[in-house]
C-alpha atoms as a PDB file:
ATOM      1  CA  MET A   1       3.113 166.267 188.795  1.00  0.00           C
ATOM      2  CA  GLU A   2       2.580 169.969 188.040  1.00  0.00           C
ATOM      3  CA  ILE A   3       5.468 169.817 185.448  1.00  0.00           C
ATOM      4  CA  LEU A   4       3.711 167.056 183.660  1.00  0.00           C
ATOM      5  CA  SER A   5       0.751 169.343 182.978  1.00  0.00           C
ATOM      6  CA  SER A   6       2.814 172.605 182.388  1.00  0.00           C
ATOM      7  CA  VAL A   7       1.804 175.111 179.704  1.00  0.00           C
ATOM      8  CA  THR A   8       5.043 174.205 177.722  1.00  0.00           C
ATOM      9  CA  SER A   9       4.206 170.499 177.720  1.00  0.00           C
ATOM     10  CA  ALA A  10       0.680 171.175 176.786  1.00  0.00           C
ATOM     11  CA  LEU A  11       1.762 173.515 173.844  1.00  0.00           C
ATOM     12  CA  ILE A  12       4.310 170.880 172.494  1.00  0.00           C
ATOM     13  CA  ALA A  13       1.568 168.254 172.584  1.00  0.00           C
ATOM     14  CA  LYS A  14      -0.895 170.611 170.727  1.00  0.00           C
ATOM     15  CA  ALA A  15       1.778 171.569 168.146  1.00  0.00           C
ATOM     16  CA  LEU A  16       2.286 167.874 167.318  1.00  0.00           C
ATOM     17  CA  ASP A  17      -1.380 167.439 166.959  1.00  0.00           C
ATOM     18  CA  ILE A  18      -1.700 170.331 164.632  1.00  0.00           C
ATOM     19  CA  ALA A  19       1.591 169.146 162.739  1.00  0.00           C
ATOM     20  CA  GLN A  20      -0.193 165.882 162.436  1.00  0.00           C
ATOM     21  CA  LEU A  21      -3.498 167.542 161.103  1.00  0.00           C
ATOM     22  CA  GLN A  22      -1.424 169.329 158.560  1.00  0.00           C
ATOM     23  CA  HIS A  23       0.512 166.280 157.477  1.00  0.00           C
ATOM     24  CA  GLY A  24      -2.906 164.512 156.830  1.00  0.00           C
ATOM     25  CA  LEU A  25      -4.344 167.560 154.833  1.00  0.00           C
ATOM     26  CA  ILE A  26      -1.267 167.545 152.691  1.00  0.00           C
ATOM     27  CA  ALA A  27      -1.400 163.728 152.117  1.00  0.00           C
ATOM     28  CA  ASN A  28      -5.162 164.142 151.157  1.00  0.00           C
ATOM     29  CA  ASN A  29      -4.270 166.902 148.711  1.00  0.00           C
ATOM     30  CA  ILE A  30      -1.616 164.829 147.281  1.00  0.00           C
ATOM     31  CA  ALA A  31      -3.881 161.623 146.986  1.00  0.00           C
ATOM     32  CA  ASN A  32      -6.563 163.710 145.187  1.00  0.00           C
ATOM     33  CA  ALA A  33      -4.261 165.659 142.834  1.00  0.00           C
ATOM     34  CA  GLN A  34      -5.852 163.826 139.813  1.00  0.00           C
ATOM     35  CA  THR A  35      -9.375 164.133 141.069  1.00  0.00           C
ATOM     36  CA  GLU A  36     -11.471 166.395 138.732  1.00  0.00           C
ATOM     37  CA  GLY A  37     -12.492 169.532 140.609  1.00  0.00           C
ATOM     38  CA  TYR A  38     -10.780 168.729 143.707  1.00  0.00           C
ATOM     39  CA  ARG A  39      -9.712 171.800 145.437  1.00  0.00           C
ATOM     40  CA  PRO A  40      -6.880 171.611 148.258  1.00  0.00           C
ATOM     41  CA  TYR A  41      -7.376 171.978 151.895  1.00  0.00           C
ATOM     42  CA  ARG A  42      -5.400 174.187 153.925  1.00  0.00           C
ATOM     43  CA  LEU A  43      -4.835 174.886 157.564  1.00  0.00           C
ATOM     44  CA  ASP A  44      -5.474 178.615 158.530  1.00  0.00           C
ATOM     45  CA  PHE A  45      -2.329 178.424 160.510  1.00  0.00           C
ATOM     46  CA  LYS A  46      -2.152 182.154 161.211  1.00  0.00           C
ATOM     47  CA  THR A  47      -5.472 182.537 162.805  1.00  0.00           C
ATOM     48  CA  LEU A  48      -4.939 179.176 164.738  1.00  0.00           C
ATOM     49  CA  MET A  49      -1.826 180.381 166.212  1.00  0.00           C
ATOM     50  CA  GLY A  50      -3.332 183.878 166.953  1.00  0.00           C
ATOM     51  CA  ASP A  51      -6.118 182.126 168.892  1.00  0.00           C
ATOM     52  CA  LEU A  52      -3.595 179.957 170.793  1.00  0.00           C
ATOM     53  CA  GLU A  53      -1.414 182.950 171.642  1.00  0.00           C
ATOM     54  CA  SER A  54      -4.611 184.633 173.096  1.00  0.00           C
ATOM     55  CA  ILE A  55      -5.063 181.729 175.419  1.00  0.00           C
ATOM     56  CA  VAL A  56      -1.450 181.603 176.490  1.00  0.00           C
ATOM     57  CA  GLU A  57      -1.472 185.432 177.017  1.00  0.00           C
ATOM     58  CA  LYS A  58      -3.999 184.928 179.913  1.00  0.00           C
ATOM     59  CA  GLN A  59      -1.203 183.897 182.078  1.00  0.00           C
ATOM     60  CA  ASN A  60      -3.419 181.826 184.409  1.00  0.00           C
ATOM     61  CA  ASP A  61      -1.371 178.691 184.364  1.00  0.00           C
ATOM     62  CA  ASP A  62      -3.754 176.579 186.265  1.00  0.00           C
ATOM     63  CA  SER A  63      -6.343 176.688 183.458  1.00  0.00           C
ATOM     64  CA  THR A  64      -4.078 177.656 180.524  1.00  0.00           C
ATOM     65  CA  ALA A  65      -2.721 174.169 179.995  1.00  0.00           C
ATOM     66  CA  ALA A  66      -6.148 172.523 180.185  1.00  0.00           C
ATOM     67  CA  GLU A  67      -7.466 175.084 177.717  1.00  0.00           C
ATOM     68  CA  ILE A  68      -4.558 174.230 175.300  1.00  0.00           C
ATOM     69  CA  ARG A  69      -5.286 170.628 175.478  1.00  0.00           C
ATOM     70  CA  ALA A  70      -9.099 171.197 174.889  1.00  0.00           C
ATOM     71  CA  PHE A  71      -8.166 173.582 171.799  1.00  0.00           C
ATOM     72  CA  ASP A  72      -9.797 172.179 168.727  1.00  0.00           C
ATOM     73  CA  SER A  73      -7.599 172.805 165.676  1.00  0.00           C
ATOM     74  CA  ASN A  74     -10.060 171.061 163.271  1.00  0.00           C
ATOM     75  CA  GLY A  75     -12.200 174.157 162.944  1.00  0.00           C
ATOM     76  CA  TYR A  76      -9.349 175.826 161.161  1.00  0.00           C
ATOM     77  CA  VAL A  77      -9.281 173.506 158.164  1.00  0.00           C
ATOM     78  CA  GLU A  78     -10.594 175.209 154.813  1.00  0.00           C
ATOM     79  CA  VAL A  79     -10.807 174.554 151.297  1.00  0.00           C
ATOM     80  CA  ASP A  80      -8.290 176.729 149.227  1.00  0.00           C
ATOM     81  CA  GLU A  81     -10.654 178.541 147.138  1.00  0.00           C
ATOM     82  CA  MET A  82      -7.946 180.515 145.213  1.00  0.00           C
ATOM     83  CA  ALA A  83      -6.391 177.143 143.951  1.00  0.00           C
ATOM     84  CA  SER A  84      -7.974 175.659 140.821  1.00  0.00           C
ATOM     85  CA  ARG A  85      -6.072 172.432 141.503  1.00  0.00           C
ATOM     86  CA  VAL A  86      -3.421 170.743 143.411  1.00  0.00           C
ATOM     87  CA  LEU A  87       0.133 171.676 142.637  1.00  0.00           C
ATOM     88  CA  LEU A  88       2.138 168.615 143.494  1.00  0.00           C
ATOM     89  CA  ASP A  89       5.551 170.406 143.896  1.00  0.00           C
ATOM     90  CA  LYS A  90       4.163 172.951 146.333  1.00  0.00           C
ATOM     91  CA  GLU A  91       2.373 169.944 148.379  1.00  0.00           C
ATOM     92  CA  MET A  92       5.622 168.017 148.558  1.00  0.00           C
ATOM     93  CA  VAL A  93       7.605 171.244 149.604  1.00  0.00           C
ATOM     94  CA  ALA A  94       4.821 171.622 152.375  1.00  0.00           C
ATOM     95  CA  LEU A  95       5.042 168.072 153.413  1.00  0.00           C
ATOM     96  CA  THR A  96       8.881 168.190 153.685  1.00  0.00           C
ATOM     97  CA  GLU A  97       8.514 171.438 155.910  1.00  0.00           C
ATOM     98  CA  ASN A  98       5.715 170.020 157.817  1.00  0.00           C
ATOM     99  CA  THR A  99       8.097 166.875 158.498  1.00  0.00           C
ATOM    100  CA  VAL A 100      11.047 169.152 159.727  1.00  0.00           C
ATOM    101  CA  HIS A 101       8.606 170.762 162.115  1.00  0.00           C
ATOM    102  CA  TYR A 102       7.384 167.619 163.464  1.00  0.00           C
ATOM    103  CA  GLN A 103      10.805 166.225 163.957  1.00  0.00           C
ATOM    104  CA  ALA A 104      11.866 169.634 165.805  1.00  0.00           C
ATOM    105  CA  LEU A 105       8.746 169.233 168.059  1.00  0.00           C
ATOM    106  CA  LEU A 106       9.519 165.731 168.834  1.00  0.00           C
ATOM    107  CA  THR A 107      13.099 166.744 169.773  1.00  0.00           C
ATOM    108  CA  ALA A 108      11.652 169.570 172.034  1.00  0.00           C
ATOM    109  CA  LYS A 109       9.311 166.993 173.825  1.00  0.00           C
ATOM    110  CA  SER A 110      12.237 164.630 174.365  1.00  0.00           C
ATOM    111  CA  LYS A 111      14.279 167.623 175.890  1.00  0.00           C
ATOM    112  CA  LEU A 112      11.421 168.655 178.027  1.00  0.00           C
ATOM    113  CA  GLY A 113      11.270 164.727 179.248  1.00  0.00           C
ATOM    114  CA  LYS A 114      14.977 164.874 179.948  1.00  0.00           C
ATOM    115  CA  ILE A 115      14.541 167.941 181.972  1.00  0.00           C
ATOM    116  CA  MET A 116      11.699 166.326 184.029  1.00  0.00           C
ATOM    117  CA  LYS A 117      13.827 163.227 184.629  1.00  0.00           C
ATOM    118  CA  THR A 118      16.800 165.386 185.693  1.00  0.00           C
ATOM    119  CA  ALA A 119      14.539 167.150 188.187  1.00  0.00           C
ATOM    120  CA  ILE A 120      12.999 164.031 189.525  1.00  0.00           C
ATOM    121  CA  SER A 121      16.310 162.268 190.072  1.00  0.00           C
ATOM    122  CA  GLY A 122      17.650 165.429 191.789  1.00  0.00           C
ATOM    123  CA  ALA A 123      20.371 165.865 189.035  1.00  0.00           C
ATOM    124  CA  ARG A 124      22.111 162.688 190.048  1.00  0.00           C
END
């Protein structure tokens, strides 16, 4: 069962959670595009990834996966103060990119599952 709680599995699951959060933020921005005074929300992805990377770099596999699972990405949501309004074209591009990332992560999760299945079955 150690492989089920591996760092790789935890990272994929957390990345899926982050992509889902990103998708929700973009959808919210699109929904409020015509709202007077609304400023779009963004995910501070660079800082978030740096903080996740510091967790992984500790290289203590026993606690690393648990730390990754407990990592709260909601604290990295911020209002884009530089934007005066929502640009629908920009949001649609971000939505498309995020969808592609999410699909790639699902593929990675599926492949990890296939590797586990193969290991459990003894490559039969």
